[in-house]
Full PDB file with SEQRES, HELIX, SHEET, SSBOND, CRYST1, ORIGX, SCALE, CONECT and MASTER records, all heavy atoms in Angstrom:
SEQRES   1 A   35  ILE SER TRP SER GLY GLY SER THR TYR TYR ALA ASP SER          
SEQRES   2 A   35  VAL LYS GLY ARG PHE THR ILE SER ARG ASP ASN ALA LYS          
SEQRES   3 A   35  ASN THR MET TYR LEU GLN MET ASN SER                          
SHEET    1 AA1 2 PHE A  18  ASP A  23  0                                        
SHEET    2 AA1 2 THR A  28  MET A  33 -1                                        
CRYST1    1.000    1.000    1.000  90.00  90.00  90.00 P 1           1          
ORIGX1      1.000000  0.000000  0.000000        0.00000                         
ORIGX2      0.000000  1.000000  0.000000        0.00000                         
ORIGX3      0.000000  0.000000  1.000000        0.00000                         
SCALE1      1.000000  0.000000  0.000000        0.00000                         
SCALE2      0.000000  1.000000  0.000000        0.00000                         
SCALE3      0.000000  0.000000  1.000000        0.00000                         
ATOM      1  N   ILE A   1       6.882  58.866 -22.773  1.00  0.00           N  
ATOM      2  CA  ILE A   1       8.192  58.883 -22.144  1.00  0.00           C  
ATOM      3  C   ILE A   1       9.209  58.392 -23.167  1.00  0.00           C  
ATOM      4  O   ILE A   1       8.949  57.448 -23.924  1.00  0.00           O  
ATOM      5  CB  ILE A   1       8.189  58.013 -20.866  1.00  0.00           C  
ATOM      6  CG1 ILE A   1       9.505  58.140 -20.099  1.00  0.00           C  
ATOM      7  CG2 ILE A   1       7.860  56.554 -21.182  1.00  0.00           C  
ATOM      8  CD1 ILE A   1       9.426  57.579 -18.682  1.00  0.00           C  
ATOM      9  N   SER A   2      10.352  59.044 -23.205  1.00  0.00           N  
ATOM     10  CA  SER A   2      11.380  58.653 -24.163  1.00  0.00           C  
ATOM     11  C   SER A   2      12.013  57.324 -23.758  1.00  0.00           C  
ATOM     12  O   SER A   2      11.846  56.849 -22.636  1.00  0.00           O  
ATOM     13  CB  SER A   2      12.442  59.742 -24.251  1.00  0.00           C  
ATOM     14  OG  SER A   2      13.080  59.898 -22.987  1.00  0.00           O  
ATOM     15  N   TRP A   3      12.788  56.746 -24.687  1.00  0.00           N  
ATOM     16  CA  TRP A   3      13.366  55.431 -24.447  1.00  0.00           C  
ATOM     17  C   TRP A   3      14.254  55.403 -23.210  1.00  0.00           C  
ATOM     18  O   TRP A   3      14.290  54.408 -22.479  1.00  0.00           O  
ATOM     19  CB  TRP A   3      14.162  54.979 -25.672  1.00  0.00           C  
ATOM     20  CG  TRP A   3      15.338  55.864 -25.977  1.00  0.00           C  
ATOM     21  CD1 TRP A   3      15.356  56.976 -26.766  1.00  0.00           C  
ATOM     22  CD2 TRP A   3      16.669  55.723 -25.463  1.00  0.00           C  
ATOM     23  NE1 TRP A   3      16.606  57.532 -26.775  1.00  0.00           N  
ATOM     24  CE2 TRP A   3      17.435  56.779 -25.997  1.00  0.00           C  
ATOM     25  CE3 TRP A   3      17.292  54.799 -24.613  1.00  0.00           C  
ATOM     26  CZ2 TRP A   3      18.789  56.944 -25.706  1.00  0.00           C  
ATOM     27  CZ3 TRP A   3      18.641  54.957 -24.334  1.00  0.00           C  
ATOM     28  CH2 TRP A   3      19.365  56.030 -24.873  1.00  0.00           C  
ATOM     29  N   SER A   4      14.922  56.506 -22.930  1.00  0.00           N  
ATOM     30  CA  SER A   4      15.818  56.567 -21.774  1.00  0.00           C  
ATOM     31  C   SER A   4      15.090  56.944 -20.490  1.00  0.00           C  
ATOM     32  O   SER A   4      15.650  56.823 -19.400  1.00  0.00           O  
ATOM     33  CB  SER A   4      16.907  57.608 -22.035  1.00  0.00           C  
ATOM     34  OG  SER A   4      16.324  58.906 -22.090  1.00  0.00           O  
ATOM     35  N   GLY A   5      13.868  57.421 -20.632  1.00  0.00           N  
ATOM     36  CA  GLY A   5      13.159  57.964 -19.477  1.00  0.00           C  
ATOM     37  C   GLY A   5      13.517  59.401 -19.182  1.00  0.00           C  
ATOM     38  O   GLY A   5      12.978  60.000 -18.250  1.00  0.00           O  
ATOM     39  N   GLY A   6      14.403  59.964 -19.987  1.00  0.00           N  
ATOM     40  CA  GLY A   6      14.879  61.310 -19.714  1.00  0.00           C  
ATOM     41  C   GLY A   6      13.908  62.413 -20.088  1.00  0.00           C  
ATOM     42  O   GLY A   6      14.027  63.540 -19.602  1.00  0.00           O  
ATOM     43  N   SER A   7      12.970  62.101 -20.965  1.00  0.00           N  
ATOM     44  CA  SER A   7      11.984  63.108 -21.383  1.00  0.00           C  
ATOM     45  C   SER A   7      10.591  62.546 -21.201  1.00  0.00           C  
ATOM     46  O   SER A   7      10.334  61.388 -21.537  1.00  0.00           O  
ATOM     47  CB  SER A   7      12.179  63.480 -22.856  1.00  0.00           C  
ATOM     48  OG  SER A   7      13.428  64.078 -23.064  1.00  0.00           O  
ATOM     49  N   THR A   8       9.715  63.371 -20.678  1.00  0.00           N  
ATOM     50  CA  THR A   8       8.311  63.000 -20.540  1.00  0.00           C  
ATOM     51  C   THR A   8       7.438  64.108 -21.115  1.00  0.00           C  
ATOM     52  O   THR A   8       7.838  65.289 -21.137  1.00  0.00           O  
ATOM     53  CB  THR A   8       7.912  62.754 -19.077  1.00  0.00           C  
ATOM     54  OG1 THR A   8       8.221  63.924 -18.301  1.00  0.00           O  
ATOM     55  CG2 THR A   8       8.650  61.554 -18.496  1.00  0.00           C  
ATOM     56  N   TYR A   9       6.286  63.723 -21.581  1.00  0.00           N  
ATOM     57  CA  TYR A   9       5.356  64.657 -22.220  1.00  0.00           C  
ATOM     58  C   TYR A   9       3.949  64.356 -21.717  1.00  0.00           C  
ATOM     59  O   TYR A   9       3.581  63.191 -21.555  1.00  0.00           O  
ATOM     60  CB  TYR A   9       5.391  64.490 -23.742  1.00  0.00           C  
ATOM     61  CG  TYR A   9       6.757  64.658 -24.340  1.00  0.00           C  
ATOM     62  CD1 TYR A   9       7.625  63.583 -24.456  1.00  0.00           C  
ATOM     63  CD2 TYR A   9       7.205  65.899 -24.781  1.00  0.00           C  
ATOM     64  CE1 TYR A   9       8.898  63.726 -24.989  1.00  0.00           C  
ATOM     65  CE2 TYR A   9       8.463  66.062 -25.324  1.00  0.00           C  
ATOM     66  CZ  TYR A   9       9.310  64.969 -25.429  1.00  0.00           C  
ATOM     67  OH  TYR A   9      10.562  65.130 -25.969  1.00  0.00           O  
ATOM     68  N   TYR A  10       3.188  65.401 -21.493  1.00  0.00           N  
ATOM     69  CA  TYR A  10       1.826  65.246 -20.984  1.00  0.00           C  
ATOM     70  C   TYR A  10       0.872  66.170 -21.726  1.00  0.00           C  
ATOM     71  O   TYR A  10       1.199  67.319 -22.022  1.00  0.00           O  
ATOM     72  CB  TYR A  10       1.762  65.596 -19.495  1.00  0.00           C  
ATOM     73  CG  TYR A  10       2.575  64.691 -18.611  1.00  0.00           C  
ATOM     74  CD1 TYR A  10       3.876  65.024 -18.247  1.00  0.00           C  
ATOM     75  CD2 TYR A  10       2.058  63.480 -18.156  1.00  0.00           C  
ATOM     76  CE1 TYR A  10       4.638  64.188 -17.437  1.00  0.00           C  
ATOM     77  CE2 TYR A  10       2.808  62.634 -17.344  1.00  0.00           C  
ATOM     78  CZ  TYR A  10       4.094  62.994 -16.997  1.00  0.00           C  
ATOM     79  OH  TYR A  10       4.841  62.166 -16.204  1.00  0.00           O  
ATOM     80  N   ALA A  11      -0.323  65.658 -21.967  1.00  0.00           N  
ATOM     81  CA  ALA A  11      -1.381  66.519 -22.458  1.00  0.00           C  
ATOM     82  C   ALA A  11      -1.777  67.478 -21.333  1.00  0.00           C  
ATOM     83  O   ALA A  11      -1.680  67.138 -20.148  1.00  0.00           O  
ATOM     84  CB  ALA A  11      -2.590  65.683 -22.877  1.00  0.00           C  
ATOM     85  N   ASP A  12      -2.217  68.666 -21.711  1.00  0.00           N  
ATOM     86  CA  ASP A  12      -2.603  69.651 -20.698  1.00  0.00           C  
ATOM     87  C   ASP A  12      -3.686  69.116 -19.763  1.00  0.00           C  
ATOM     88  O   ASP A  12      -3.723  69.454 -18.581  1.00  0.00           O  
ATOM     89  CB  ASP A  12      -3.110  70.931 -21.372  1.00  0.00           C  
ATOM     90  CG  ASP A  12      -1.977  71.745 -21.981  1.00  0.00           C  
ATOM     91  OD1 ASP A  12      -0.797  71.500 -21.617  1.00  0.00           O  
ATOM     92  OD2 ASP A  12      -2.270  72.616 -22.809  1.00  0.00           O  
ATOM     93  N   SER A  13      -4.551  68.281 -20.292  1.00  0.00           N  
ATOM     94  CA  SER A  13      -5.687  67.777 -19.519  1.00  0.00           C  
ATOM     95  C   SER A  13      -5.269  66.855 -18.373  1.00  0.00           C  
ATOM     96  O   SER A  13      -6.047  66.641 -17.435  1.00  0.00           O  
ATOM     97  CB  SER A  13      -6.667  67.045 -20.434  1.00  0.00           C  
ATOM     98  OG  SER A  13      -6.016  65.987 -21.113  1.00  0.00           O  
ATOM     99  N   VAL A  14      -4.050  66.310 -18.435  1.00  0.00           N  
ATOM    100  CA  VAL A  14      -3.617  65.376 -17.391  1.00  0.00           C  
ATOM    101  C   VAL A  14      -2.393  65.885 -16.625  1.00  0.00           C  
ATOM    102  O   VAL A  14      -2.009  65.289 -15.606  1.00  0.00           O  
ATOM    103  CB  VAL A  14      -3.307  63.977 -17.965  1.00  0.00           C  
ATOM    104  CG1 VAL A  14      -4.476  63.465 -18.800  1.00  0.00           C  
ATOM    105  CG2 VAL A  14      -2.022  63.974 -18.790  1.00  0.00           C  
ATOM    106  N   LYS A  15      -1.793  66.963 -17.098  1.00  0.00           N  
ATOM    107  CA  LYS A  15      -0.573  67.484 -16.482  1.00  0.00           C  
ATOM    108  C   LYS A  15      -0.823  67.821 -15.015  1.00  0.00           C  
ATOM    109  O   LYS A  15      -1.836  68.432 -14.668  1.00  0.00           O  
ATOM    110  CB  LYS A  15      -0.116  68.726 -17.248  1.00  0.00           C  
ATOM    111  CG  LYS A  15       1.329  69.081 -17.059  1.00  0.00           C  
ATOM    112  CD  LYS A  15       1.724  70.237 -17.957  1.00  0.00           C  
ATOM    113  CE  LYS A  15       1.676  69.866 -19.418  1.00  0.00           C  
ATOM    114  NZ  LYS A  15       2.094  70.966 -20.314  1.00  0.00           N  
ATOM    115  N   GLY A  16       0.098  67.392 -14.172  1.00  0.00           N  
ATOM    116  CA  GLY A  16      -0.034  67.648 -12.739  1.00  0.00           C  
ATOM    117  C   GLY A  16      -0.810  66.583 -11.986  1.00  0.00           C  
ATOM    118  O   GLY A  16      -0.786  66.545 -10.757  1.00  0.00           O  
ATOM    119  N   ARG A  17      -1.502  65.718 -12.726  1.00  0.00           N  
ATOM    120  CA  ARG A  17      -2.282  64.642 -12.083  1.00  0.00           C  
ATOM    121  C   ARG A  17      -1.756  63.257 -12.449  1.00  0.00           C  
ATOM    122  O   ARG A  17      -1.845  62.336 -11.630  1.00  0.00           O  
ATOM    123  CB  ARG A  17      -3.753  64.738 -12.496  1.00  0.00           C  
ATOM    124  CG  ARG A  17      -4.408  66.062 -12.123  1.00  0.00           C  
ATOM    125  CD  ARG A  17      -5.906  66.040 -12.442  1.00  0.00           C  
ATOM    126  NE  ARG A  17      -6.174  65.848 -13.865  1.00  0.00           N  
ATOM    127  CZ  ARG A  17      -6.877  64.831 -14.365  1.00  0.00           C  
ATOM    128  NH1 ARG A  17      -7.380  63.912 -13.561  1.00  0.00           N  
ATOM    129  NH2 ARG A  17      -7.094  64.743 -15.670  1.00  0.00           N  
ATOM    130  N   PHE A  18      -1.245  63.104 -13.650  1.00  0.00           N  
ATOM    131  CA  PHE A  18      -0.730  61.819 -14.124  1.00  0.00           C  
ATOM    132  C   PHE A  18       0.794  61.851 -14.157  1.00  0.00           C  
ATOM    133  O   PHE A  18       1.398  62.885 -14.466  1.00  0.00           O  
ATOM    134  CB  PHE A  18      -1.235  61.520 -15.529  1.00  0.00           C  
ATOM    135  CG  PHE A  18      -2.706  61.235 -15.648  1.00  0.00           C  
ATOM    136  CD1 PHE A  18      -3.582  61.440 -14.586  1.00  0.00           C  
ATOM    137  CD2 PHE A  18      -3.225  60.752 -16.839  1.00  0.00           C  
ATOM    138  CE1 PHE A  18      -4.931  61.175 -14.704  1.00  0.00           C  
ATOM    139  CE2 PHE A  18      -4.576  60.479 -16.983  1.00  0.00           C  
ATOM    140  CZ  PHE A  18      -5.435  60.700 -15.911  1.00  0.00           C  
ATOM    141  N   THR A  19       1.394  60.703 -13.893  1.00  0.00           N  
ATOM    142  CA  THR A  19       2.843  60.569 -13.978  1.00  0.00           C  
ATOM    143  C   THR A  19       3.185  59.311 -14.752  1.00  0.00           C  
ATOM    144  O   THR A  19       2.741  58.216 -14.385  1.00  0.00           O  
ATOM    145  CB  THR A  19       3.477  60.501 -12.586  1.00  0.00           C  
ATOM    146  OG1 THR A  19       3.129  61.670 -11.842  1.00  0.00           O  
ATOM    147  CG2 THR A  19       5.002  60.421 -12.703  1.00  0.00           C  
ATOM    148  N   ILE A  20       3.969  59.473 -15.800  1.00  0.00           N  
ATOM    149  CA  ILE A  20       4.397  58.324 -16.598  1.00  0.00           C  
ATOM    150  C   ILE A  20       5.799  57.927 -16.170  1.00  0.00           C  
ATOM    151  O   ILE A  20       6.631  58.787 -15.828  1.00  0.00           O  
ATOM    152  CB  ILE A  20       4.345  58.661 -18.108  1.00  0.00           C  
ATOM    153  CG1 ILE A  20       4.534  57.406 -18.948  1.00  0.00           C  
ATOM    154  CG2 ILE A  20       5.363  59.734 -18.480  1.00  0.00           C  
ATOM    155  CD1 ILE A  20       4.247  57.616 -20.442  1.00  0.00           C  
ATOM    156  N   SER A  21       6.052  56.617 -16.170  1.00  0.00           N  
ATOM    157  CA  SER A  21       7.379  56.131 -15.808  1.00  0.00           C  
ATOM    158  C   SER A  21       7.604  54.798 -16.502  1.00  0.00           C  
ATOM    159  O   SER A  21       6.681  54.229 -17.092  1.00  0.00           O  
ATOM    160  CB  SER A  21       7.515  55.979 -14.290  1.00  0.00           C  
ATOM    161  OG  SER A  21       6.583  55.031 -13.795  1.00  0.00           O  
ATOM    162  N   ARG A  22       8.851  54.314 -16.432  1.00  0.00           N  
ATOM    163  CA  ARG A  22       9.166  53.035 -17.046  1.00  0.00           C  
ATOM    164  C   ARG A  22      10.242  52.333 -16.258  1.00  0.00           C  
ATOM    165  O   ARG A  22      11.065  52.979 -15.594  1.00  0.00           O  
ATOM    166  CB  ARG A  22       9.605  53.225 -18.496  1.00  0.00           C  
ATOM    167  CG  ARG A  22      10.892  54.005 -18.681  1.00  0.00           C  
ATOM    168  CD  ARG A  22      11.126  54.346 -20.152  1.00  0.00           C  
ATOM    169  NE  ARG A  22      11.298  53.141 -20.957  1.00  0.00           N  
ATOM    170  CZ  ARG A  22      11.119  53.115 -22.287  1.00  0.00           C  
ATOM    171  NH1 ARG A  22      10.776  54.203 -22.934  1.00  0.00           N  
ATOM    172  NH2 ARG A  22      11.305  51.996 -22.947  1.00  0.00           N  
ATOM    173  N   ASP A  23      10.212  51.019 -16.355  1.00  0.00           N  
ATOM    174  CA  ASP A  23      11.243  50.183 -15.731  1.00  0.00           C  
ATOM    175  C   ASP A  23      11.782  49.294 -16.842  1.00  0.00           C  
ATOM    176  O   ASP A  23      11.159  48.282 -17.199  1.00  0.00           O  
ATOM    177  CB  ASP A  23      10.638  49.367 -14.596  1.00  0.00           C  
ATOM    178  CG  ASP A  23      11.688  48.558 -13.841  1.00  0.00           C  
ATOM    179  OD1 ASP A  23      12.768  48.314 -14.400  1.00  0.00           O  
ATOM    180  OD2 ASP A  23      11.422  48.167 -12.702  1.00  0.00           O  
ATOM    181  N   ASN A  24      12.909  49.670 -17.396  1.00  0.00           N  
ATOM    182  CA  ASN A  24      13.451  48.925 -18.533  1.00  0.00           C  
ATOM    183  C   ASN A  24      13.883  47.511 -18.148  1.00  0.00           C  
ATOM    184  O   ASN A  24      13.889  46.617 -18.987  1.00  0.00           O  
ATOM    185  CB  ASN A  24      14.603  49.690 -19.168  1.00  0.00           C  
ATOM    186  CG  ASN A  24      14.115  50.889 -19.970  1.00  0.00           C  
ATOM    187  OD1 ASN A  24      12.917  51.053 -20.210  1.00  0.00           O  
ATOM    188  ND2 ASN A  24      15.038  51.745 -20.381  1.00  0.00           N  
ATOM    189  N   ALA A  25      14.225  47.309 -16.909  1.00  0.00           N  
ATOM    190  CA  ALA A  25      14.613  45.960 -16.463  1.00  0.00           C  
ATOM    191  C   ALA A  25      13.403  45.017 -16.458  1.00  0.00           C  
ATOM    192  O   ALA A  25      13.561  43.806 -16.599  1.00  0.00           O  
ATOM    193  CB  ALA A  25      15.220  46.031 -15.072  1.00  0.00           C  
ATOM    194  N   LYS A  26      12.209  45.584 -16.311  1.00  0.00           N  
ATOM    195  CA  LYS A  26      10.988  44.766 -16.276  1.00  0.00           C  
ATOM    196  C   LYS A  26      10.190  44.870 -17.567  1.00  0.00           C  
ATOM    197  O   LYS A  26       9.100  44.314 -17.674  1.00  0.00           O  
ATOM    198  CB  LYS A  26      10.103  45.194 -15.101  1.00  0.00           C  
ATOM    199  CG  LYS A  26      10.716  44.933 -13.743  1.00  0.00           C  
ATOM    200  CD  LYS A  26       9.761  45.317 -12.629  1.00  0.00           C  
ATOM    201  CE  LYS A  26      10.353  45.013 -11.266  1.00  0.00           C  
ATOM    202  NZ  LYS A  26       9.451  45.397 -10.162  1.00  0.00           N  
ATOM    203  N   ASN A  27      10.719  45.615 -18.549  1.00  0.00           N  
ATOM    204  CA  ASN A  27       9.996  45.809 -19.817  1.00  0.00           C  
ATOM    205  C   ASN A  27       8.574  46.315 -19.579  1.00  0.00           C  
ATOM    206  O   ASN A  27       7.623  45.878 -20.243  1.00  0.00           O  
ATOM    207  CB  ASN A  27       9.946  44.496 -20.618  1.00  0.00           C  
ATOM    208  CG  ASN A  27      11.270  44.169 -21.255  1.00  0.00           C  
ATOM    209  OD1 ASN A  27      12.267  44.870 -21.068  1.00  0.00           O  
ATOM    210  ND2 ASN A  27      11.313  43.081 -21.996  1.00  0.00           N  
ATOM    211  N   THR A  28       8.440  47.237 -18.669  1.00  0.00           N  
ATOM    212  CA  THR A  28       7.117  47.702 -18.282  1.00  0.00           C  
ATOM    213  C   THR A  28       7.083  49.219 -18.157  1.00  0.00           C  
ATOM    214  O   THR A  28       8.028  49.839 -17.669  1.00  0.00           O  
ATOM    215  CB  THR A  28       6.683  47.063 -16.947  1.00  0.00           C  
ATOM    216  OG1 THR A  28       6.718  45.637 -17.072  1.00  0.00           O  
ATOM    217  CG2 THR A  28       5.271  47.483 -16.565  1.00  0.00           C  
ATOM    218  N   MET A  29       5.976  49.783 -18.602  1.00  0.00           N  
ATOM    219  CA  MET A  29       5.720  51.211 -18.471  1.00  0.00           C  
ATOM    220  C   MET A  29       4.511  51.388 -17.551  1.00  0.00           C  
ATOM    221  O   MET A  29       3.639  50.507 -17.507  1.00  0.00           O  
ATOM    222  CB  MET A  29       5.415  51.813 -19.841  1.00  0.00           C  
ATOM    223  CG  MET A  29       4.957  53.254 -19.784  1.00  0.00           C  
ATOM    224  SD  MET A  29       4.548  53.918 -21.402  1.00  0.00           S  
ATOM    225  CE  MET A  29       3.147  52.938 -21.893  1.00  0.00           C  
ATOM    226  N   TYR A  30       4.463  52.521 -16.865  1.00  0.00           N  
ATOM    227  CA  TYR A  30       3.378  52.773 -15.925  1.00  0.00           C  
ATOM    228  C   TYR A  30       2.751  54.144 -16.173  1.00  0.00           C  
ATOM    229  O   TYR A  30       3.382  55.060 -16.696  1.00  0.00           O  
ATOM    230  CB  TYR A  30       3.906  52.740 -14.489  1.00  0.00           C  
ATOM    231  CG  TYR A  30       4.642  51.469 -14.143  1.00  0.00           C  
ATOM    232  CD1 TYR A  30       6.034  51.415 -14.211  1.00  0.00           C  
ATOM    233  CD2 TYR A  30       3.946  50.322 -13.773  1.00  0.00           C  
ATOM    234  CE1 TYR A  30       6.715  50.249 -13.904  1.00  0.00           C  
ATOM    235  CE2 TYR A  30       4.626  49.150 -13.461  1.00  0.00           C  
ATOM    236  CZ  TYR A  30       6.005  49.117 -13.526  1.00  0.00           C  
ATOM    237  OH  TYR A  30       6.675  47.958 -13.229  1.00  0.00           O  
ATOM    238  N   LEU A  31       1.505  54.261 -15.743  1.00  0.00           N  
ATOM    239  CA  LEU A  31       0.852  55.564 -15.705  1.00  0.00           C  
ATOM    240  C   LEU A  31       0.135  55.673 -14.372  1.00  0.00           C  
ATOM    241  O   LEU A  31      -0.878  55.003 -14.148  1.00  0.00           O  
ATOM    242  CB  LEU A  31      -0.141  55.731 -16.853  1.00  0.00           C  
ATOM    243  CG  LEU A  31      -0.751  57.127 -16.962  1.00  0.00           C  
ATOM    244  CD1 LEU A  31       0.321  58.155 -17.362  1.00  0.00           C  
ATOM    245  CD2 LEU A  31      -1.897  57.148 -17.973  1.00  0.00           C  
ATOM    246  N   GLN A  32       0.692  56.483 -13.488  1.00  0.00           N  
ATOM    247  CA  GLN A  32       0.058  56.749 -12.200  1.00  0.00           C  
ATOM    248  C   GLN A  32      -0.942  57.887 -12.398  1.00  0.00           C  
ATOM    249  O   GLN A  32      -0.559  58.983 -12.823  1.00  0.00           O  
ATOM    250  CB  GLN A  32       1.102  57.140 -11.158  1.00  0.00           C  
ATOM    251  CG  GLN A  32       0.523  57.477  -9.795  1.00  0.00           C  
ATOM    252  CD  GLN A  32      -0.115  56.277  -9.115  1.00  0.00           C  
ATOM    253  OE1 GLN A  32       0.439  55.185  -9.122  1.00  0.00           O  
ATOM    254  NE2 GLN A  32      -1.290  56.476  -8.519  1.00  0.00           N  
ATOM    255  N   MET A  33      -2.192  57.606 -12.104  1.00  0.00           N  
ATOM    256  CA  MET A  33      -3.250  58.581 -12.325  1.00  0.00           C  
ATOM    257  C   MET A  33      -3.859  58.958 -10.981  1.00  0.00           C  
ATOM    258  O   MET A  33      -4.446  58.106 -10.298  1.00  0.00           O  
ATOM    259  CB  MET A  33      -4.324  58.002 -13.249  1.00  0.00           C  
ATOM    260  CG  MET A  33      -3.766  57.478 -14.562  1.00  0.00           C  
ATOM    261  SD  MET A  33      -5.054  56.976 -15.718  1.00  0.00           S  
ATOM    262  CE  MET A  33      -5.762  55.605 -14.844  1.00  0.00           C  
ATOM    263  N   ASN A  34      -3.709  60.206 -10.605  1.00  0.00           N  
ATOM    264  CA  ASN A  34      -4.246  60.726  -9.354  1.00  0.00           C  
ATOM    265  C   ASN A  34      -5.306  61.778  -9.621  1.00  0.00           C  
ATOM    266  O   ASN A  34      -5.412  62.296 -10.733  1.00  0.00           O  
ATOM    267  CB  ASN A  34      -3.118  61.336  -8.512  1.00  0.00           C  
ATOM    268  CG  ASN A  34      -2.060  60.328  -8.127  1.00  0.00           C  
ATOM    269  OD1 ASN A  34      -2.336  59.141  -7.965  1.00  0.00           O  
ATOM    270  ND2 ASN A  34      -0.828  60.795  -7.991  1.00  0.00           N  
ATOM    271  N   SER A  35      -6.081  62.088  -8.590  1.00  0.00           N  
ATOM    272  CA  SER A  35      -7.131  63.120  -8.698  1.00  0.00           C  
ATOM    273  C   SER A  35      -7.993  62.885  -9.942  1.00  0.00           C  
ATOM    274  O   SER A  35      -8.246  63.810 -10.723  1.00  0.00           O  
ATOM    275  CB  SER A  35      -6.488  64.509  -8.753  1.00  0.00           C  
ATOM    276  OG  SER A  35      -5.699  64.746  -7.610  1.00  0.00           O  
TER     277      SER A  35                                                      
MASTER        0    0    0    0    2    0    0    6  276    1    0    3          
END                                                                             
């Protein structure tokens, strides 16, 4: 995920199942992994 959160990139193997996000106020990044 880019510094602004405006761009995200995924490997084909995880696309549609994983979601990356960030909370700059908490200095934390997340990876939600489903299926």
